[in-house]
Protein backbone atom coordinates (compact mmCIF):
# COMPACT_ATOMS: atom_id res chain seq x y z
CA MET A 1 -41.97 -23.20 -6.31
CA ASP A 2 -43.81 -21.89 -9.37
CA ASP A 3 -43.28 -18.40 -10.81
CA ALA A 4 -46.70 -17.11 -9.72
CA LEU A 5 -46.14 -18.04 -6.06
CA LEU A 6 -42.61 -16.63 -6.12
CA ALA A 7 -43.89 -13.32 -7.50
CA GLU A 8 -46.58 -13.20 -4.81
CA LEU A 9 -44.04 -13.79 -2.06
CA GLN A 10 -41.69 -11.16 -3.45
CA THR A 11 -44.36 -8.48 -3.26
CA ALA A 12 -45.83 -9.58 0.08
CA SER A 13 -46.05 -7.00 2.84
CA ILE A 14 -48.12 -8.45 5.65
CA SER A 15 -47.53 -6.07 8.54
CA GLY A 16 -48.62 -2.46 8.45
CA ASP A 17 -45.89 -1.49 10.91
CA VAL A 18 -42.89 -0.37 8.86
CA HIS A 19 -40.54 -1.02 11.80
CA SER A 20 -41.73 -4.58 12.42
CA ALA A 21 -39.51 -7.54 11.64
CA TYR A 22 -42.56 -8.80 9.72
CA SER A 23 -42.02 -6.00 7.19
CA PRO A 24 -39.16 -5.69 4.69
CA HIS A 25 -35.79 -4.84 6.17
CA PRO A 26 -35.16 -1.32 4.86
CA HIS A 27 -31.60 -2.17 3.80
CA TYR A 28 -32.89 -4.82 1.42
CA SER A 29 -36.24 -3.35 0.46
CA GLN A 30 -36.76 -2.70 -3.23
CA TYR A 31 -39.10 0.20 -2.45
CA LYS A 32 -38.17 3.80 -1.75
CA GLN A 33 -38.91 4.79 1.85
CA HIS A 34 -40.17 8.09 3.22
CA LYS A 35 -37.58 10.32 4.83
CA ASP A 36 -38.96 9.80 8.32
CA GLY A 37 -40.01 6.15 7.85
CA TYR A 38 -36.85 4.24 8.72
CA THR A 39 -34.58 6.89 10.20
CA ASN A 40 -36.32 7.59 13.50
CA GLN A 41 -35.38 4.41 15.38
CA GLU A 42 -32.82 6.28 17.50
CA VAL A 43 -35.32 9.03 18.34
CA ARG A 44 -37.89 6.48 19.50
CA ARG A 45 -35.28 4.71 21.64
CA ARG A 46 -34.46 7.91 23.47
CA LYS A 47 -38.12 8.64 24.13
CA ILE A 48 -38.71 5.16 25.56
CA LEU A 49 -35.61 5.29 27.77
CA GLN A 50 -36.78 8.63 29.11
CA SER A 51 -40.33 7.41 29.69
CA GLN A 52 -39.03 4.45 31.72
CA LYS A 53 -37.99 6.86 34.44
CA SER A 54 -41.48 8.24 34.94
CA ARG A 55 -43.68 5.15 34.52
CA ARG A 56 -45.62 4.21 37.63
CA ARG A 57 -45.24 0.52 38.39
CA ASP A 58 -46.68 -2.25 40.47
CA PHE A 59 -45.02 -5.26 38.92
CA MET A 60 -45.59 -7.42 41.98
CA ASP A 61 -49.32 -7.40 41.21
CA TYR A 62 -48.63 -7.72 37.48
CA SER A 63 -46.51 -10.86 37.91
CA ARG A 64 -49.09 -12.26 40.36
CA LEU A 65 -51.78 -12.04 37.67
CA ILE A 66 -49.53 -14.00 35.29
CA VAL A 67 -48.54 -16.79 37.71
CA GLU A 68 -52.15 -17.18 38.84
CA GLY A 69 -53.48 -17.04 35.29
CA VAL A 70 -56.01 -14.35 36.09
CA GLU A 71 -58.06 -12.75 33.32
CA CYS A 72 -59.44 -9.45 34.54
CA GLU A 73 -60.87 -6.14 33.42
CA ILE A 74 -58.81 -3.04 34.11
CA PRO A 75 -61.01 -0.58 36.04
CA GLU A 76 -61.62 2.67 34.19
CA GLY A 77 -59.36 5.36 35.59
CA ASP A 78 -56.87 2.90 37.15
CA ASP A 79 -53.86 4.72 35.74
CA VAL A 80 -51.30 2.70 37.69
CA MET A 81 -52.33 -0.78 36.46
CA ASP A 82 -53.17 0.63 33.03
CA ASP A 83 -49.61 1.94 32.78
CA VAL A 84 -48.02 -1.27 34.05
CA MET A 85 -50.02 -3.46 31.69
CA GLU A 86 -49.36 -1.27 28.66
CA GLY A 87 -48.95 -3.61 25.70
CA GLY A 88 -48.77 -6.87 27.64
CA GLY A 89 -51.89 -9.02 27.34
CA VAL A 90 -54.27 -6.06 27.12
CA ASP A 91 -57.12 -5.97 24.60
CA GLU A 92 -59.99 -3.54 24.22
CA VAL A 93 -63.37 -5.27 24.27
CA ASP A 94 -66.89 -3.94 23.75
CA THR A 95 -69.06 -4.07 26.87
CA THR A 96 -72.75 -3.20 26.95
CA VAL A 97 -73.71 -0.62 29.57
CA GLU A 98 -77.18 0.51 30.56
CA ALA A 99 -77.87 4.12 31.49
CA THR A 100 -79.61 4.39 34.87
CA LYS A 101 -81.94 7.25 33.98
CA THR A 102 -82.73 6.84 30.30
CA LYS A 103 -82.48 3.01 30.38
CA SER A 104 -80.92 3.22 26.96
CA LYS A 105 -78.19 0.78 26.07
CA GLY A 106 -74.85 1.76 24.71
CA LYS A 107 -71.37 0.34 24.19
CA LYS A 108 -68.00 1.43 25.47
CA LYS A 109 -64.48 0.13 25.24
CA GLN A 110 -63.32 -1.83 28.29
CA LYS A 111 -59.71 -2.98 28.61
CA LYS A 112 -59.21 -6.63 29.55
CA PHE A 113 -56.01 -8.34 30.67
CA TYR A 114 -55.10 -11.81 29.37
CA PRO A 115 -52.26 -13.30 31.47
CA TYR A 116 -50.39 -15.27 28.78
CA ARG A 117 -51.06 -13.33 25.58
CA ASN A 118 -48.43 -10.93 24.18
CA GLN A 119 -46.25 -11.13 27.28
CA LEU A 120 -42.93 -11.23 25.41
CA MET A 121 -40.68 -8.33 24.44
CA MET A 122 -40.62 -8.30 20.64
CA SER A 123 -37.95 -6.78 18.43
CA GLU A 124 -37.67 -4.62 15.34
CA TRP A 125 -35.15 -5.00 12.55
CA LEU A 126 -31.83 -3.35 13.38
CA GLU A 127 -32.12 -0.65 10.74
CA GLU A 128 -29.05 1.43 11.58
CA VAL A 129 -26.13 1.10 13.98
CA PRO A 130 -27.03 2.99 17.20
CA GLU A 131 -24.72 5.78 18.31
CA ASP A 132 -24.08 4.00 21.62
CA PHE A 133 -23.89 0.51 20.13
CA THR A 134 -20.46 -0.39 21.52
CA ASP A 135 -21.09 0.80 25.09
CA LYS A 136 -24.81 0.29 25.65
CA TRP A 137 -25.89 -2.89 23.85
CA LEU A 138 -25.77 -6.64 24.42
CA MET A 139 -26.05 -9.34 21.74
CA PHE A 140 -27.75 -12.70 22.22
CA VAL A 141 -27.13 -15.54 19.75
CA CYS A 142 -30.55 -17.19 19.36
CA PRO A 143 -30.94 -20.84 18.34
CA ILE A 144 -33.77 -22.05 16.15
CA GLY A 145 -36.80 -23.01 18.21
CA LYS A 146 -40.18 -21.89 19.54
CA ARG A 147 -40.25 -18.54 21.32
CA CYS A 148 -42.37 -18.97 24.43
CA LEU A 149 -43.35 -17.64 27.83
CA VAL A 150 -42.49 -20.10 30.63
CA VAL A 151 -44.41 -19.79 33.90
CA ALA A 152 -43.47 -21.96 36.89
CA ALA A 153 -45.99 -21.63 39.72
CA LYS A 154 -48.34 -23.61 41.95
CA GLY A 155 -46.30 -26.79 41.57
CA THR A 156 -46.25 -27.00 37.77
CA THR A 157 -44.46 -25.46 34.79
CA SER A 158 -46.22 -24.32 31.62
CA ALA A 159 -45.00 -22.89 28.33
CA TYR A 160 -47.18 -20.55 26.24
CA SER A 161 -46.89 -19.33 22.68
CA ARG A 162 -46.76 -15.60 21.98
CA THR A 163 -50.51 -15.67 21.38
CA GLY A 164 -51.18 -17.23 24.79
CA ILE A 165 -51.79 -20.86 23.80
CA GLN A 166 -50.37 -23.46 26.17
CA ILE A 167 -47.88 -25.59 24.23
CA ASN A 168 -46.35 -27.61 27.08
CA ASN A 169 -46.94 -28.53 30.72
CA PHE A 170 -44.45 -30.41 32.87
CA PRO A 171 -42.74 -30.46 36.29
CA SER A 172 -39.44 -28.63 36.71
CA LEU A 173 -37.05 -27.66 39.47
CA LEU A 174 -37.51 -23.97 38.72
CA PRO A 175 -38.89 -22.02 41.70
CA GLY A 176 -42.54 -23.05 42.01
CA GLY A 177 -42.23 -25.50 39.12
CA CYS A 178 -43.06 -28.73 40.99
CA HIS A 179 -44.30 -29.88 44.39
CA ARG A 180 -40.73 -29.93 45.73
CA THR A 181 -40.01 -26.28 44.90
CA HIS A 182 -43.47 -24.86 45.43
CA HIS A 183 -44.16 -22.78 48.53
CA VAL A 184 -47.63 -21.25 48.63
CA GLY A 185 -47.70 -17.57 47.75
CA ARG A 186 -43.95 -17.23 47.54
CA ASP A 187 -42.05 -19.08 44.81
CA ASN A 188 -42.67 -18.61 41.11
CA CYS A 189 -40.68 -18.01 37.96
CA ILE A 190 -41.47 -16.19 34.69
CA LEU A 191 -39.01 -16.63 31.82
CA ASP A 192 -38.66 -15.66 28.17
CA CYS A 193 -37.35 -18.80 26.44
CA ILE A 194 -36.64 -20.49 23.12
CA PHE A 195 -37.70 -24.14 23.11
CA TYR A 196 -35.73 -26.63 21.03
CA GLU A 197 -37.98 -29.66 20.95
CA THR A 198 -35.46 -32.17 19.58
CA THR A 199 -33.29 -31.97 22.71
CA HIS A 200 -36.08 -30.98 25.15
CA THR A 201 -34.15 -27.82 25.96
CA TYR A 202 -35.37 -24.36 26.94
CA TYR A 203 -32.78 -21.68 26.21
CA VAL A 204 -33.45 -18.83 28.63
CA LEU A 205 -33.31 -15.52 26.79
CA ASP A 206 -34.58 -13.27 29.61
CA VAL A 207 -36.02 -13.39 33.11
CA MET A 208 -39.03 -11.40 34.34
CA SER A 209 -39.42 -12.99 37.77
CA TRP A 210 -37.41 -15.49 39.81
CA GLY A 211 -38.35 -16.83 43.23
CA GLY A 212 -41.30 -14.46 43.39
CA HIS A 213 -39.17 -11.36 42.78
CA PRO A 214 -40.26 -9.50 39.59
CA VAL A 215 -37.55 -7.68 37.65
CA TYR A 216 -39.57 -6.17 34.78
CA ASP A 217 -38.37 -2.70 35.76
CA SER A 218 -34.71 -3.70 36.08
CA ASP A 219 -32.38 -2.96 33.17
CA THR A 220 -31.19 -5.58 30.69
CA GLU A 221 -27.66 -5.64 32.06
CA PHE A 222 -28.89 -6.58 35.54
CA ARG A 223 -31.48 -9.08 34.27
CA SER A 224 -28.83 -10.80 32.14
CA PHE A 225 -26.43 -11.01 35.10
CA TRP A 226 -29.13 -12.21 37.50
CA LYS A 227 -30.41 -14.81 35.01
CA ALA A 228 -26.90 -16.20 34.46
CA THR A 229 -26.24 -16.29 38.23
CA LYS A 230 -29.51 -18.06 39.08
CA ILE A 231 -29.15 -20.65 36.32
CA LYS A 232 -25.52 -21.32 37.22
CA ASP A 233 -26.37 -21.67 40.93
CA ASN A 234 -29.14 -24.15 40.08
CA ALA A 235 -27.47 -25.89 37.13
CA GLU A 236 -27.30 -29.25 38.90
CA SER A 237 -31.08 -29.31 39.17
CA ILE A 238 -32.60 -27.31 36.29
CA SER A 239 -30.03 -27.98 33.53
CA LYS A 240 -29.90 -31.75 33.98
CA PHE A 241 -32.60 -34.22 33.01
CA SER A 242 -34.41 -36.14 35.72
CA ARG A 243 -37.83 -37.59 36.43
CA ILE A 244 -38.87 -34.40 38.19
CA ASN A 245 -37.06 -32.14 35.69
CA PRO A 246 -37.72 -33.63 32.21
CA MET A 247 -36.72 -30.42 30.40
CA SER A 248 -33.31 -28.73 30.52
CA PHE A 249 -32.96 -24.97 31.09
CA ILE A 250 -29.81 -23.39 29.62
CA ASP A 251 -28.72 -19.76 29.85
CA LEU A 252 -28.34 -17.74 26.66
CA PRO A 253 -25.50 -15.34 27.52
CA GLY A 254 -25.34 -11.72 26.42
CA TYR A 255 -22.18 -10.55 24.65
CA PRO A 256 -20.86 -6.98 24.61
CA CYS A 257 -21.09 -5.29 21.22
CA THR A 258 -17.45 -4.29 20.94
CA GLN A 259 -15.63 -5.07 17.70
CA GLU A 260 -13.36 -7.56 19.50
CA ALA A 261 -16.19 -9.42 21.26
CA LEU A 262 -18.37 -9.64 18.16
CA ALA A 263 -15.47 -10.74 15.97
CA GLU A 264 -14.75 -13.55 18.45
CA VAL A 265 -18.41 -14.66 18.46
CA PHE A 266 -18.65 -14.61 14.66
CA THR A 267 -15.60 -16.85 14.22
CA ARG A 268 -17.02 -19.69 16.33
CA GLU A 269 -18.71 -22.83 15.13
CA TRP A 270 -21.87 -23.12 17.24
CA PRO A 271 -23.17 -26.45 18.58
CA VAL A 272 -26.78 -25.46 17.81
CA GLN A 273 -28.35 -24.13 14.65
CA VAL A 274 -28.47 -20.36 14.97
CA ASP A 275 -31.65 -18.55 13.95
CA GLY A 276 -30.37 -14.99 14.33
CA LEU A 277 -28.95 -12.28 16.56
CA LEU A 278 -30.91 -10.26 19.10
CA PHE A 279 -29.48 -6.89 20.19
CA VAL A 280 -30.91 -5.37 23.39
CA HIS A 281 -30.12 -2.00 24.97
CA LYS A 282 -28.45 -2.43 28.38
CA GLU A 283 -30.74 0.14 30.01
CA ALA A 284 -33.99 -1.27 28.59
CA HIS A 285 -36.63 -2.51 31.01
CA TYR A 286 -38.62 -5.57 29.99
CA TRP A 287 -41.43 -4.25 27.78
CA ALA A 288 -44.12 -6.79 26.88
CA LYS A 289 -44.50 -5.43 23.36
CA LYS A 290 -42.50 -4.50 20.27
CA THR A 291 -39.75 -1.99 21.06
CA PRO A 292 -36.78 -0.38 19.25
CA LEU A 293 -34.71 -1.19 22.36
CA ALA A 294 -34.62 -4.79 21.10
CA THR A 295 -33.48 -5.31 17.50
CA TRP A 296 -32.89 -8.32 15.29
CA LEU A 297 -30.62 -9.43 12.45
CA LYS A 298 -30.03 -12.63 10.53
CA ALA A 299 -26.41 -13.77 10.42
CA ASN A 300 -26.02 -13.08 6.70
CA MET A 301 -27.08 -9.45 7.28
CA VAL A 302 -24.30 -8.68 9.79
CA THR A 303 -21.61 -7.69 7.28
CA ASP A 304 -23.96 -5.35 5.40
CA ILE A 305 -25.48 -3.68 8.48
CA LEU A 306 -22.64 -3.75 11.03
CA GLY A 307 -19.63 -3.97 8.72
CA ILE A 308 -18.20 -6.94 10.65
CA HIS A 309 -16.86 -10.05 8.95
CA VAL A 310 -18.74 -13.26 9.73
CA SER A 311 -16.83 -16.52 9.30
CA GLN A 312 -18.09 -19.37 7.16
CA GLU A 313 -18.12 -21.57 10.27
CA PHE A 314 -20.67 -19.27 11.91
CA LEU A 315 -22.76 -18.90 8.76
CA SER A 316 -22.85 -22.66 8.31
CA SER A 317 -24.73 -22.96 11.62
CA ALA A 318 -27.16 -20.18 10.69
CA PRO A 319 -29.90 -20.33 8.04
CA VAL A 320 -29.50 -17.79 5.26
CA LEU A 321 -32.48 -15.61 4.45
CA SER A 322 -33.29 -15.71 0.78
CA ALA A 323 -33.75 -12.54 -1.25
CA VAL A 324 -37.51 -13.09 -1.03
CA ALA A 325 -37.40 -13.11 2.77
CA MET A 326 -35.22 -10.02 2.88
CA GLU A 327 -37.81 -8.18 0.85
CA GLY A 328 -40.50 -8.79 3.40
CA VAL A 329 -42.05 -12.22 3.70
CA GLU A 330 -43.45 -12.48 7.21
CA ARG A 331 -41.10 -14.68 9.20
CA GLU A 332 -43.81 -16.25 11.29
CA GLY A 333 -46.77 -16.47 8.91
CA LYS A 334 -47.80 -18.88 6.24
CA ILE A 335 -46.94 -19.16 2.57
CA PRO A 336 -50.04 -18.10 0.59
CA LYS A 337 -51.95 -21.04 -0.82
CA LYS A 338 -53.98 -21.22 -4.01
CA SER A 339 -56.98 -22.81 -2.35
CA LYS A 340 -58.49 -22.61 1.12
CA SER A 341 -59.32 -25.63 3.24
CA LYS A 342 -61.03 -25.93 6.57
CA LYS A 343 -58.85 -26.64 9.58
CA THR A 344 -59.67 -28.55 12.69
CA SER A 345 -59.43 -26.74 16.02
CA SER A 346 -56.17 -28.53 16.82
CA GLN A 347 -54.72 -27.50 13.45
CA GLN A 348 -55.73 -23.90 14.12
CA GLN A 349 -53.91 -23.98 17.46
CA LEU A 350 -50.78 -25.40 15.85
CA ALA A 351 -50.91 -22.72 13.16
CA SER A 352 -50.91 -19.97 15.79
CA MET A 353 -47.77 -21.24 17.52
CA ASP A 354 -44.42 -19.51 17.10
CA VAL A 355 -42.58 -22.27 15.22
CA THR A 356 -39.32 -22.49 13.38
CA THR A 357 -38.22 -25.61 11.61
CA GLU A 358 -34.93 -27.35 11.21
CA GLY A 359 -33.39 -27.57 7.79
CA ASP A 360 -32.99 -24.99 5.08
CA ALA A 361 -34.66 -21.95 6.61
CA GLY A 362 -33.95 -20.00 3.46
CA ASN A 363 -36.47 -22.20 1.69
CA THR A 364 -38.98 -22.16 4.56
CA VAL A 365 -38.97 -18.45 5.26
CA ALA A 366 -42.63 -18.35 6.21
CA GLU A 367 -42.11 -20.70 9.16
CA GLN A 368 -39.52 -18.62 10.95
CA ILE A 369 -39.96 -17.02 14.34
CA GLU A 370 -40.21 -13.35 15.31
CA TYR A 371 -37.98 -12.15 18.17
């Protein structure tokens, strides 16, 4: 890498959201932050936890739109669906309206729902240790792979990138995932997964619906328990390879954030290459957007942020973020190029996928995934 490109990467700041994992981690940033810029994560968590109690929900209809793949406009004034869909797959689009009396044309903003776009709960950097970290948080050890939305319904199973592009389609023995497990209008499954292509394995990070029962408004602790129970009960079918189940589905367990539990996790040698650590509040509902109730660290940041020793065995299975990446290179974007070239439509689709690569992730920081 030449000096000019290195300097450009070191000063890159792609996201305008200071709390995003796209932006520099404040602990490693070389810039001075405003007093209220990086210290209000706890305040925002409390506000979101409080707002969960008052949100009006109809997640049965919401999950139905996803499994049926329905694009629709949200009627103006429909506060219930507008509230449920907040953040997940909703874009504002310009629609032309004609006045009945004056016959003059004008434009207004109309909200439209896209069933597979932005349906995953995204994290922020863990900027400071929460006051209730030991009692109220779970940690998930995330392998390198493609973060994706998996929808099993109508006799087939599809995986979608964070931007809503279909990246895989196959039969599975998940509820609704093939002709054998599909029952009209009843069985479906919506999962938050990490796909490791080399072994054809989907690591299940979270569950939003199983067997037609949506759990978006259930807390993380329950969803983690229910996910583990369902996958264990169906391990003989969904975790093993077969003609009708060509992909394996494996549970990613949540670990308590006590000193003893974390110390035990960080002394292991993991069978898969670890991308990082996801910390989720036990009381958090599943929000299809970025939230401070889900936070993210790389393994080599743990000692600095949490003050917990991480063994060399654990670090050897986890890519180390370089100093450049710690200062803010977008973990999912592209390394700036000196010249532009036209891309085919298939290349553009591949570029929009959430992809991480095997190998030295410290040297391929721009290809890493956002959680």
